[in-house]
Amino acid sequence: MWHRAVTRDDVPYERIFLNIDIDLIKQLSTPKTDLYRCFDVSDPKEINILNLGSDAFDDYVNFCDELIPTLDKDTYGNDIHQRILLAEILLLANKVHKIKKQPRNIIPPFLEKVTHFIDENLADDLSLAAFSKHFYLNSTYLDRYFKRYMGLSLHQYVTEKRIEQAKQLLRAGKNVTEVCAKSGFGNYSNFIRSFNKRVGISPGKYRTKYQSK
């Protein structure tokens, strides 16, 4: 399938692509684990595009960063190392594909309005009081209703979205203080603590990791 990238002018654009022989994919597969499944589109009208979440994206980039240097080497065990990394990448793709195929819970239209409000106001006050004022609902009721369908409290959901926003900005080269403000973390210490807890490294190290690539 022919395709092209539609990019934004205000952010850096990079891509990593792999050409993997079908026979090799079949060799890496087992009777219980068909690694070709994510490429097999039975419906010709289906667009087989997998959107990686932030964690899956990080895993893919890390696997590729480890794989690419091995392609020009002929050292002992290099072929096995390549196969292991390819298997990891294919497993990742198939796991994302499996999630994509699962039926999604139907989210009430009202909660779609809430999540849209969050996306549009990440840098602003998103306290329970702010939600209550905007939607004219009791904050406790709204929080419980949100968690019932989304699996997270409003505070947890907002924090996760802000962390995702912060990661995108850091990958684009923004400094940590600016990212803290643009992601809606009013308190710098809270931002560092929350980022460390969810990502496993500090915002500064995360930024450096991507700037060095």
Protein backbone atom coordinates (compact mmCIF):
# COMPACT_ATOMS: atom_id res chain seq x y z
CA MET A 1 0.00 0.00 0.00
CA TRP A 2 1.32 3.43 -0.96
CA HIS A 3 1.33 5.93 1.83
CA ARG A 4 2.81 9.26 2.77
CA ALA A 5 3.42 11.12 6.00
CA VAL A 6 1.40 14.22 6.84
CA THR A 7 3.60 16.26 9.14
CA ARG A 8 3.41 19.48 11.10
CA ASP A 9 5.88 22.21 10.23
CA ASP A 10 6.47 23.21 13.86
CA VAL A 11 7.82 19.88 15.15
CA PRO A 12 10.79 17.69 14.11
CA TYR A 13 9.88 14.70 11.95
CA GLU A 14 11.71 11.40 11.99
CA ARG A 15 10.68 7.87 11.08
CA ILE A 16 12.11 4.38 11.40
CA PHE A 17 11.01 1.73 8.94
CA LEU A 18 11.91 -1.94 8.68
CA ASN A 19 11.64 -4.30 5.71
CA ILE A 20 11.24 -7.83 7.07
CA ASP A 21 11.03 -10.89 4.83
CA ILE A 22 7.78 -12.85 5.24
CA ASP A 23 9.70 -16.13 5.44
CA LEU A 24 11.73 -14.78 8.36
CA ILE A 25 8.54 -13.74 10.17
CA LYS A 26 7.21 -17.27 9.74
CA GLN A 27 10.49 -18.73 11.02
CA LEU A 28 10.27 -16.60 14.15
CA SER A 29 6.64 -17.61 14.72
CA THR A 30 5.53 -20.65 16.71
CA PRO A 31 2.35 -22.77 16.59
CA LYS A 32 1.00 -20.67 19.48
CA THR A 33 2.29 -17.28 18.34
CA ASP A 34 1.73 -16.19 14.74
CA LEU A 35 3.86 -13.07 14.32
CA TYR A 36 2.44 -12.42 10.85
CA ARG A 37 -1.08 -11.90 12.21
CA CYS A 38 -0.77 -8.12 12.46
CA PHE A 39 0.06 -7.91 8.72
CA ASP A 40 -2.79 -10.15 7.57
CA VAL A 41 -5.70 -7.93 6.54
CA SER A 42 -8.71 -10.01 5.52
CA ASP A 43 -10.82 -6.97 4.67
CA PRO A 44 -9.30 -5.14 1.65
CA LYS A 45 -11.05 -1.95 2.75
CA GLU A 46 -9.35 -1.99 6.13
CA ILE A 47 -6.44 0.40 6.64
CA ASN A 48 -3.92 -1.55 8.65
CA ILE A 49 -2.27 1.24 10.61
CA LEU A 50 -1.24 0.75 14.22
CA ASN A 51 -1.12 3.82 16.43
CA LEU A 52 1.45 3.26 19.15
CA GLY A 53 0.88 4.66 22.59
CA SER A 54 3.74 6.47 24.24
CA ASP A 55 5.10 3.39 26.04
CA ALA A 56 4.87 1.19 22.93
CA PHE A 57 6.52 3.94 20.90
CA ASP A 58 9.42 4.13 23.35
CA ASP A 59 9.83 0.35 23.22
CA TYR A 60 9.83 0.35 19.40
CA VAL A 61 12.46 3.09 19.22
CA ASN A 62 14.65 1.33 21.79
CA PHE A 63 14.44 -2.01 19.95
CA CYS A 64 15.31 -0.32 16.64
CA ASP A 65 18.18 1.64 18.19
CA GLU A 66 19.61 -1.66 19.41
CA LEU A 67 18.91 -3.49 16.14
CA ILE A 68 20.25 -1.02 13.57
CA PRO A 69 23.94 -1.16 14.67
CA THR A 70 23.89 -4.97 14.41
CA LEU A 71 23.02 -4.90 10.70
CA ASP A 72 26.59 -3.98 9.71
CA LYS A 73 28.30 -6.40 12.08
CA ASP A 74 29.38 -9.99 11.58
CA THR A 75 30.46 -10.84 15.11
CA TYR A 76 29.77 -14.03 17.04
CA GLY A 77 26.13 -14.31 18.08
CA ASN A 78 25.10 -11.26 16.05
CA ASP A 79 22.55 -13.19 13.98
CA ILE A 80 20.85 -14.50 17.11
CA HIS A 81 20.81 -11.01 18.61
CA GLN A 82 19.11 -9.69 15.46
CA ARG A 83 16.45 -12.41 15.58
CA ILE A 84 15.71 -11.70 19.24
CA LEU A 85 15.24 -7.99 18.56
CA LEU A 86 13.09 -8.65 15.47
CA ALA A 87 10.95 -11.03 17.50
CA GLU A 88 10.53 -8.34 20.18
CA ILE A 89 9.45 -5.78 17.56
CA LEU A 90 7.00 -8.21 15.95
CA LEU A 91 5.58 -9.18 19.34
CA LEU A 92 5.07 -5.51 20.14
CA ALA A 93 3.26 -4.91 16.83
CA ASN A 94 1.01 -7.91 17.35
CA LYS A 95 0.12 -6.92 20.90
CA VAL A 96 -0.89 -3.44 19.72
CA HIS A 97 -2.83 -5.03 16.83
CA LYS A 98 -4.66 -7.32 19.25
CA ILE A 99 -5.74 -4.38 21.41
CA LYS A 100 -6.90 -2.54 18.29
CA LYS A 101 -9.13 -5.49 17.34
CA GLN A 102 -10.80 -5.75 20.75
CA PRO A 103 -14.26 -4.16 20.98
CA ARG A 104 -14.14 -0.93 22.93
CA ASN A 105 -16.46 0.01 25.74
CA ILE A 106 -18.98 2.58 24.62
CA ILE A 107 -18.17 5.87 26.32
CA PRO A 108 -21.21 8.06 27.04
CA PRO A 109 -21.26 11.25 24.93
CA PHE A 110 -21.02 13.34 28.10
CA LEU A 111 -17.69 11.76 29.01
CA GLU A 112 -16.43 12.43 25.51
CA LYS A 113 -17.12 16.09 26.26
CA VAL A 114 -15.18 15.77 29.52
CA THR A 115 -12.14 14.15 27.86
CA HIS A 116 -12.24 16.76 25.09
CA PHE A 117 -12.35 19.51 27.72
CA ILE A 118 -9.29 17.94 29.37
CA ASP A 119 -7.38 17.73 26.06
CA GLU A 120 -8.12 21.37 25.29
CA ASN A 121 -7.19 22.68 28.75
CA LEU A 122 -4.23 20.59 29.93
CA ALA A 123 -2.21 23.68 30.87
CA ASP A 124 -5.07 25.19 32.90
CA ASP A 125 -6.76 24.45 36.22
CA LEU A 126 -8.27 20.96 36.04
CA SER A 127 -9.17 20.48 39.68
CA LEU A 128 -12.45 18.83 40.67
CA ALA A 129 -13.78 22.28 41.49
CA ALA A 130 -12.98 23.44 37.95
CA PHE A 131 -14.84 20.46 36.45
CA SER A 132 -17.79 21.05 38.74
CA LYS A 133 -17.99 24.71 37.75
CA HIS A 134 -17.70 24.03 34.02
CA PHE A 135 -20.17 21.13 33.82
CA TYR A 136 -22.55 22.28 36.59
CA LEU A 137 -22.29 18.95 38.41
CA ASN A 138 -21.34 17.84 41.91
CA SER A 139 -17.61 17.10 41.83
CA THR A 140 -17.88 13.82 43.79
CA TYR A 141 -20.63 12.51 41.51
CA LEU A 142 -18.70 13.53 38.39
CA ASP A 143 -15.50 11.88 39.62
CA ARG A 144 -17.28 8.60 40.42
CA TYR A 145 -19.15 8.62 37.11
CA PHE A 146 -15.90 9.22 35.21
CA LYS A 147 -14.07 6.42 37.03
CA ARG A 148 -16.94 3.99 36.42
CA TYR A 149 -16.44 4.19 32.65
CA MET A 150 -12.80 5.23 32.30
CA GLY A 151 -11.23 3.11 35.05
CA LEU A 152 -9.34 6.12 36.42
CA SER A 153 -10.34 9.03 38.61
CA LEU A 154 -10.36 12.45 36.99
CA HIS A 155 -7.14 13.36 38.78
CA GLN A 156 -5.41 10.17 37.62
CA TYR A 157 -6.60 10.63 34.05
CA VAL A 158 -5.49 14.27 33.93
CA THR A 159 -2.07 13.35 35.32
CA GLU A 160 -1.60 10.61 32.70
CA LYS A 161 -2.57 13.00 29.90
CA ARG A 162 -0.20 15.65 31.23
CA ILE A 163 2.65 13.15 31.37
CA GLU A 164 1.96 12.18 27.74
CA GLN A 165 1.99 15.86 26.79
CA ALA A 166 5.25 16.38 28.68
CA LYS A 167 6.91 13.46 26.90
CA GLN A 168 5.95 14.84 23.50
CA LEU A 169 7.32 18.27 24.36
CA LEU A 170 10.55 16.83 25.76
CA ARG A 171 11.07 14.76 22.62
CA ALA A 172 10.64 17.99 20.64
CA GLY A 173 13.52 19.53 22.62
CA LYS A 174 11.64 21.85 24.98
CA ASN A 175 13.37 22.61 28.28
CA VAL A 176 12.05 21.02 31.47
CA THR A 177 10.75 24.23 33.07
CA GLU A 178 8.79 25.14 29.93
CA VAL A 179 7.41 21.61 29.67
CA CYS A 180 6.29 21.72 33.30
CA ALA A 181 4.24 24.86 32.63
CA LYS A 182 2.83 23.80 29.25
CA SER A 183 1.78 20.41 30.62
CA GLY A 184 -0.23 21.96 33.42
CA PHE A 185 1.99 21.02 36.35
CA GLY A 186 1.87 24.16 38.45
CA ASN A 187 4.42 22.77 40.89
CA TYR A 188 7.87 21.91 39.53
CA SER A 189 8.66 19.38 42.28
CA ASN A 190 5.34 17.64 41.70
CA PHE A 191 6.10 17.45 37.97
CA ILE A 192 9.51 15.84 38.55
CA ARG A 193 8.07 13.38 41.06
CA SER A 194 5.07 12.43 38.88
CA PHE A 195 7.21 12.03 35.76
CA ASN A 196 9.78 9.89 37.57
CA LYS A 197 7.06 7.68 39.02
CA ARG A 198 5.36 6.97 35.69
CA VAL A 199 8.25 7.02 33.22
CA GLY A 200 11.06 5.67 35.38
CA ILE A 201 13.55 8.48 34.67
CA SER A 202 13.63 12.24 35.24
CA PRO A 203 12.32 14.67 32.59
CA GLY A 204 15.86 15.94 32.03
CA LYS A 205 17.24 12.47 31.34
CA TYR A 206 14.26 11.66 29.12
CA ARG A 207 14.92 14.81 27.05
CA THR A 208 18.64 14.05 26.80
CA LYS A 209 17.89 10.50 25.70
CA TYR A 210 16.02 11.77 22.63
CA GLN A 211 18.30 14.72 21.90
CA SER A 212 21.29 12.37 21.65
CA LYS A 213 19.64 10.33 18.87
